[in-house]
Protein backbone atom coordinates (compact mmCIF):
# COMPACT_ATOMS: atom_id res chain seq x y z
CA UNK A 1 0.00 0.00 0.00
CA UNK A 2 2.91 2.35 0.68
CA UNK A 3 4.28 1.81 -2.82
CA UNK A 4 0.82 2.26 -4.31
CA UNK A 5 0.31 5.52 -2.41
CA UNK A 6 3.64 6.81 -3.70
CA UNK A 7 2.77 5.87 -7.30
CA UNK A 8 -0.64 7.51 -6.92
CA UNK A 9 0.95 10.69 -5.62
CA UNK A 10 3.40 10.80 -8.56
CA UNK A 11 0.58 10.23 -11.06
CA UNK A 12 -1.46 13.03 -9.49
CA UNK A 13 1.55 15.37 -9.56
CA UNK A 14 2.05 14.60 -13.25
CA UNK A 15 -1.69 15.14 -13.92
CA UNK A 16 -1.87 11.66 -15.43
CA UNK A 17 -5.58 11.19 -14.81
CA UNK A 18 -5.81 7.83 -16.57
CA UNK A 19 -3.04 6.40 -14.40
CA UNK A 20 -4.66 7.92 -11.29
CA UNK A 21 -7.90 6.17 -12.18
CA UNK A 22 -6.15 2.82 -12.68
CA UNK A 23 -4.21 3.17 -9.43
CA UNK A 24 -7.36 4.04 -7.50
CA UNK A 25 -9.02 0.89 -8.89
CA UNK A 26 -5.98 -1.12 -7.83
CA UNK A 27 -6.16 0.43 -4.35
CA UNK A 28 -9.84 -0.52 -4.00
CA UNK A 29 -9.09 -4.09 -5.08
CA UNK A 30 -6.22 -4.40 -2.60
CA UNK A 31 -8.34 -2.96 0.21
CA UNK A 32 -11.09 -5.50 -0.53
CA UNK A 33 -8.59 -8.36 -0.54
CA UNK A 34 -6.98 -7.19 2.70
CA UNK A 35 -10.39 -6.79 4.32
CA UNK A 36 -11.27 -10.37 3.37
CA UNK A 37 -7.96 -11.68 4.75
CA UNK A 38 -7.85 -9.70 8.00
CA UNK A 39 -9.67 -12.17 10.29
CA UNK A 40 -7.65 -15.10 8.93
CA UNK A 41 -4.40 -13.14 9.09
CA UNK A 42 -5.07 -12.13 12.67
CA UNK A 43 -5.84 -15.73 13.60
CA UNK A 44 -2.72 -17.01 11.81
CA UNK A 45 -0.59 -14.32 13.39
CA UNK A 46 -1.87 -15.21 16.84
CA UNK A 47 -1.25 -18.90 16.20
CA UNK A 48 2.26 -18.23 14.91
CA UNK A 49 3.12 -16.10 17.92
CA UNK A 50 1.83 -18.77 20.30
CA UNK A 51 3.73 -21.53 18.48
CA UNK A 52 6.92 -19.50 18.58
CA UNK A 53 6.59 -19.03 22.32
CA UNK A 54 5.58 -22.61 23.10
CA UNK A 55 7.79 -24.59 20.74
CA UNK A 56 10.94 -22.55 20.61
CA UNK A 57 10.77 -20.59 23.86
CA UNK A 58 13.30 -18.17 22.48
CA UNK A 59 13.80 -14.75 23.92
CA UNK A 60 15.57 -13.52 20.81
CA UNK A 61 14.06 -11.38 18.10
CA UNK A 62 13.03 -13.54 15.15
CA UNK A 63 13.23 -12.00 11.66
CA UNK A 64 12.20 -13.51 8.33
CA UNK A 65 12.35 -12.15 4.81
CA UNK A 66 9.80 -13.23 2.20
CA UNK A 67 9.70 -12.85 -1.58
CA UNK A 68 6.40 -13.44 -3.33
CA UNK A 69 5.69 -14.56 -6.90
CA UNK A 70 5.86 -10.96 -8.17
CA UNK A 71 9.38 -10.74 -6.69
CA UNK A 72 8.18 -8.26 -4.05
CA UNK A 73 10.03 -8.48 -0.75
CA UNK A 74 8.59 -8.02 2.70
CA UNK A 75 9.77 -8.68 6.22
CA UNK A 76 8.31 -10.18 9.38
CA UNK A 77 9.75 -9.78 12.86
CA UNK A 78 8.49 -11.27 16.11
CA UNK A 79 9.57 -10.32 19.61
CA UNK A 80 8.73 -13.29 21.85
CA UNK A 81 9.33 -11.29 25.05
CA UNK A 82 6.56 -8.79 24.32
CA UNK A 83 4.53 -10.83 21.82
CA UNK A 84 4.63 -7.96 19.34
CA UNK A 85 5.31 -8.40 15.67
CA UNK A 86 5.58 -6.36 12.50
CA UNK A 87 5.12 -6.89 8.79
CA UNK A 88 7.35 -4.40 6.93
CA UNK A 89 7.54 -3.50 3.25
CA UNK A 90 11.22 -2.62 3.44
CA UNK A 91 14.33 -3.40 5.42
CA UNK A 92 14.48 0.26 6.50
CA UNK A 93 10.96 0.05 7.93
CA UNK A 94 11.90 -3.17 9.75
CA UNK A 95 15.07 -1.63 11.19
CA UNK A 96 13.07 1.36 12.46
CA UNK A 97 10.61 -0.98 14.20
CA UNK A 98 13.49 -2.90 15.77
CA UNK A 99 15.13 0.32 16.92
CA UNK A 100 11.90 1.59 18.46
CA UNK A 101 10.64 -1.67 19.94
CA UNK A 102 13.46 -4.09 20.61
CA UNK A 103 16.91 -2.59 21.02
CA UNK A 104 18.23 -1.90 24.45
CA UNK A 105 16.81 -4.94 26.20
C-alpha atoms as a PDB file:
ATOM      1  CA  UNK A   1       0.000   0.000   0.000  1.00  0.00           C
ATOM      2  CA  UNK A   2       2.907   2.349   0.680  1.00  0.00           C
ATOM      3  CA  UNK A   3       4.280   1.813  -2.815  1.00  0.00           C
ATOM      4  CA  UNK A   4       0.824   2.261  -4.306  1.00  0.00           C
ATOM      5  CA  UNK A   5       0.313   5.517  -2.410  1.00  0.00           C
ATOM      6  CA  UNK A   6       3.638   6.813  -3.705  1.00  0.00           C
ATOM      7  CA  UNK A   7       2.773   5.872  -7.298  1.00  0.00           C
ATOM      8  CA  UNK A   8      -0.644   7.512  -6.923  1.00  0.00           C
ATOM      9  CA  UNK A   9       0.949  10.693  -5.618  1.00  0.00           C
ATOM     10  CA  UNK A  10       3.396  10.799  -8.562  1.00  0.00           C
ATOM     11  CA  UNK A  11       0.576  10.232 -11.059  1.00  0.00           C
ATOM     12  CA  UNK A  12      -1.463  13.035  -9.485  1.00  0.00           C
ATOM     13  CA  UNK A  13       1.546  15.370  -9.558  1.00  0.00           C
ATOM     14  CA  UNK A  14       2.045  14.601 -13.254  1.00  0.00           C
ATOM     15  CA  UNK A  15      -1.687  15.142 -13.920  1.00  0.00           C
ATOM     16  CA  UNK A  16      -1.874  11.656 -15.429  1.00  0.00           C
ATOM     17  CA  UNK A  17      -5.579  11.192 -14.805  1.00  0.00           C
ATOM     18  CA  UNK A  18      -5.814   7.833 -16.573  1.00  0.00           C
ATOM     19  CA  UNK A  19      -3.035   6.396 -14.398  1.00  0.00           C
ATOM     20  CA  UNK A  20      -4.658   7.917 -11.290  1.00  0.00           C
ATOM     21  CA  UNK A  21      -7.901   6.175 -12.182  1.00  0.00           C
ATOM     22  CA  UNK A  22      -6.146   2.822 -12.681  1.00  0.00           C
ATOM     23  CA  UNK A  23      -4.205   3.165  -9.430  1.00  0.00           C
ATOM     24  CA  UNK A  24      -7.363   4.035  -7.504  1.00  0.00           C
ATOM     25  CA  UNK A  25      -9.021   0.893  -8.890  1.00  0.00           C
ATOM     26  CA  UNK A  26      -5.976  -1.119  -7.830  1.00  0.00           C
ATOM     27  CA  UNK A  27      -6.164   0.430  -4.353  1.00  0.00           C
ATOM     28  CA  UNK A  28      -9.844  -0.520  -3.995  1.00  0.00           C
ATOM     29  CA  UNK A  29      -9.086  -4.089  -5.076  1.00  0.00           C
ATOM     30  CA  UNK A  30      -6.219  -4.402  -2.597  1.00  0.00           C
ATOM     31  CA  UNK A  31      -8.341  -2.956   0.210  1.00  0.00           C
ATOM     32  CA  UNK A  32     -11.090  -5.500  -0.528  1.00  0.00           C
ATOM     33  CA  UNK A  33      -8.590  -8.361  -0.544  1.00  0.00           C
ATOM     34  CA  UNK A  34      -6.977  -7.190   2.700  1.00  0.00           C
ATOM     35  CA  UNK A  35     -10.386  -6.789   4.324  1.00  0.00           C
ATOM     36  CA  UNK A  36     -11.268 -10.374   3.371  1.00  0.00           C
ATOM     37  CA  UNK A  37      -7.960 -11.678   4.751  1.00  0.00           C
ATOM     38  CA  UNK A  38      -7.848  -9.698   7.996  1.00  0.00           C
ATOM     39  CA  UNK A  39      -9.666 -12.168  10.287  1.00  0.00           C
ATOM     40  CA  UNK A  40      -7.646 -15.100   8.933  1.00  0.00           C
ATOM     41  CA  UNK A  41      -4.400 -13.144   9.086  1.00  0.00           C
ATOM     42  CA  UNK A  42      -5.069 -12.134  12.673  1.00  0.00           C
ATOM     43  CA  UNK A  43      -5.836 -15.733  13.604  1.00  0.00           C
ATOM     44  CA  UNK A  44      -2.719 -17.010  11.814  1.00  0.00           C
ATOM     45  CA  UNK A  45      -0.588 -14.316  13.387  1.00  0.00           C
ATOM     46  CA  UNK A  46      -1.867 -15.208  16.841  1.00  0.00           C
ATOM     47  CA  UNK A  47      -1.246 -18.901  16.204  1.00  0.00           C
ATOM     48  CA  UNK A  48       2.256 -18.231  14.907  1.00  0.00           C
ATOM     49  CA  UNK A  49       3.118 -16.098  17.923  1.00  0.00           C
ATOM     50  CA  UNK A  50       1.827 -18.775  20.297  1.00  0.00           C
ATOM     51  CA  UNK A  51       3.727 -21.530  18.482  1.00  0.00           C
ATOM     52  CA  UNK A  52       6.919 -19.499  18.576  1.00  0.00           C
ATOM     53  CA  UNK A  53       6.594 -19.027  22.324  1.00  0.00           C
ATOM     54  CA  UNK A  54       5.585 -22.605  23.104  1.00  0.00           C
ATOM     55  CA  UNK A  55       7.793 -24.585  20.741  1.00  0.00           C
ATOM     56  CA  UNK A  56      10.936 -22.550  20.613  1.00  0.00           C
ATOM     57  CA  UNK A  57      10.768 -20.595  23.858  1.00  0.00           C
ATOM     58  CA  UNK A  58      13.302 -18.169  22.476  1.00  0.00           C
ATOM     59  CA  UNK A  59      13.804 -14.747  23.922  1.00  0.00           C
ATOM     60  CA  UNK A  60      15.572 -13.523  20.808  1.00  0.00           C
ATOM     61  CA  UNK A  61      14.060 -11.384  18.101  1.00  0.00           C
ATOM     62  CA  UNK A  62      13.031 -13.539  15.150  1.00  0.00           C
ATOM     63  CA  UNK A  63      13.233 -12.000  11.665  1.00  0.00           C
ATOM     64  CA  UNK A  64      12.198 -13.507   8.333  1.00  0.00           C
ATOM     65  CA  UNK A  65      12.351 -12.148   4.807  1.00  0.00           C
ATOM     66  CA  UNK A  66       9.803 -13.230   2.201  1.00  0.00           C
ATOM     67  CA  UNK A  67       9.703 -12.853  -1.578  1.00  0.00           C
ATOM     68  CA  UNK A  68       6.400 -13.444  -3.334  1.00  0.00           C
ATOM     69  CA  UNK A  69       5.686 -14.559  -6.897  1.00  0.00           C
ATOM     70  CA  UNK A  70       5.855 -10.965  -8.166  1.00  0.00           C
ATOM     71  CA  UNK A  71       9.377 -10.740  -6.688  1.00  0.00           C
ATOM     72  CA  UNK A  72       8.179  -8.259  -4.054  1.00  0.00           C
ATOM     73  CA  UNK A  73      10.033  -8.480  -0.755  1.00  0.00           C
ATOM     74  CA  UNK A  74       8.594  -8.016   2.698  1.00  0.00           C
ATOM     75  CA  UNK A  75       9.767  -8.681   6.219  1.00  0.00           C
ATOM     76  CA  UNK A  76       8.307 -10.178   9.375  1.00  0.00           C
ATOM     77  CA  UNK A  77       9.749  -9.780  12.860  1.00  0.00           C
ATOM     78  CA  UNK A  78       8.492 -11.266  16.109  1.00  0.00           C
ATOM     79  CA  UNK A  79       9.568 -10.317  19.610  1.00  0.00           C
ATOM     80  CA  UNK A  80       8.734 -13.286  21.854  1.00  0.00           C
ATOM     81  CA  UNK A  81       9.328 -11.293  25.046  1.00  0.00           C
ATOM     82  CA  UNK A  82       6.562  -8.793  24.315  1.00  0.00           C
ATOM     83  CA  UNK A  83       4.529 -10.831  21.823  1.00  0.00           C
ATOM     84  CA  UNK A  84       4.631  -7.960  19.344  1.00  0.00           C
ATOM     85  CA  UNK A  85       5.309  -8.403  15.666  1.00  0.00           C
ATOM     86  CA  UNK A  86       5.585  -6.361  12.497  1.00  0.00           C
ATOM     87  CA  UNK A  87       5.120  -6.885   8.790  1.00  0.00           C
ATOM     88  CA  UNK A  88       7.354  -4.403   6.931  1.00  0.00           C
ATOM     89  CA  UNK A  89       7.543  -3.498   3.253  1.00  0.00           C
ATOM     90  CA  UNK A  90      11.222  -2.620   3.442  1.00  0.00           C
ATOM     91  CA  UNK A  91      14.333  -3.402   5.421  1.00  0.00           C
ATOM     92  CA  UNK A  92      14.477   0.257   6.503  1.00  0.00           C
ATOM     93  CA  UNK A  93      10.961   0.047   7.933  1.00  0.00           C
ATOM     94  CA  UNK A  94      11.903  -3.168   9.750  1.00  0.00           C
ATOM     95  CA  UNK A  95      15.068  -1.628  11.187  1.00  0.00           C
ATOM     96  CA  UNK A  96      13.074   1.363  12.459  1.00  0.00           C
ATOM     97  CA  UNK A  97      10.607  -0.980  14.199  1.00  0.00           C
ATOM     98  CA  UNK A  98      13.489  -2.903  15.769  1.00  0.00           C
ATOM     99  CA  UNK A  99      15.128   0.316  16.917  1.00  0.00           C
ATOM    100  CA  UNK A 100      11.899   1.594  18.461  1.00  0.00           C
ATOM    101  CA  UNK A 101      10.637  -1.673  19.942  1.00  0.00           C
ATOM    102  CA  UNK A 102      13.464  -4.088  20.608  1.00  0.00           C
ATOM    103  CA  UNK A 103      16.906  -2.590  21.016  1.00  0.00           C
ATOM    104  CA  UNK A 104      18.234  -1.901  24.453  1.00  0.00           C
ATOM    105  CA  UNK A 105      16.815  -4.942  26.198  1.00  0.00           C
END
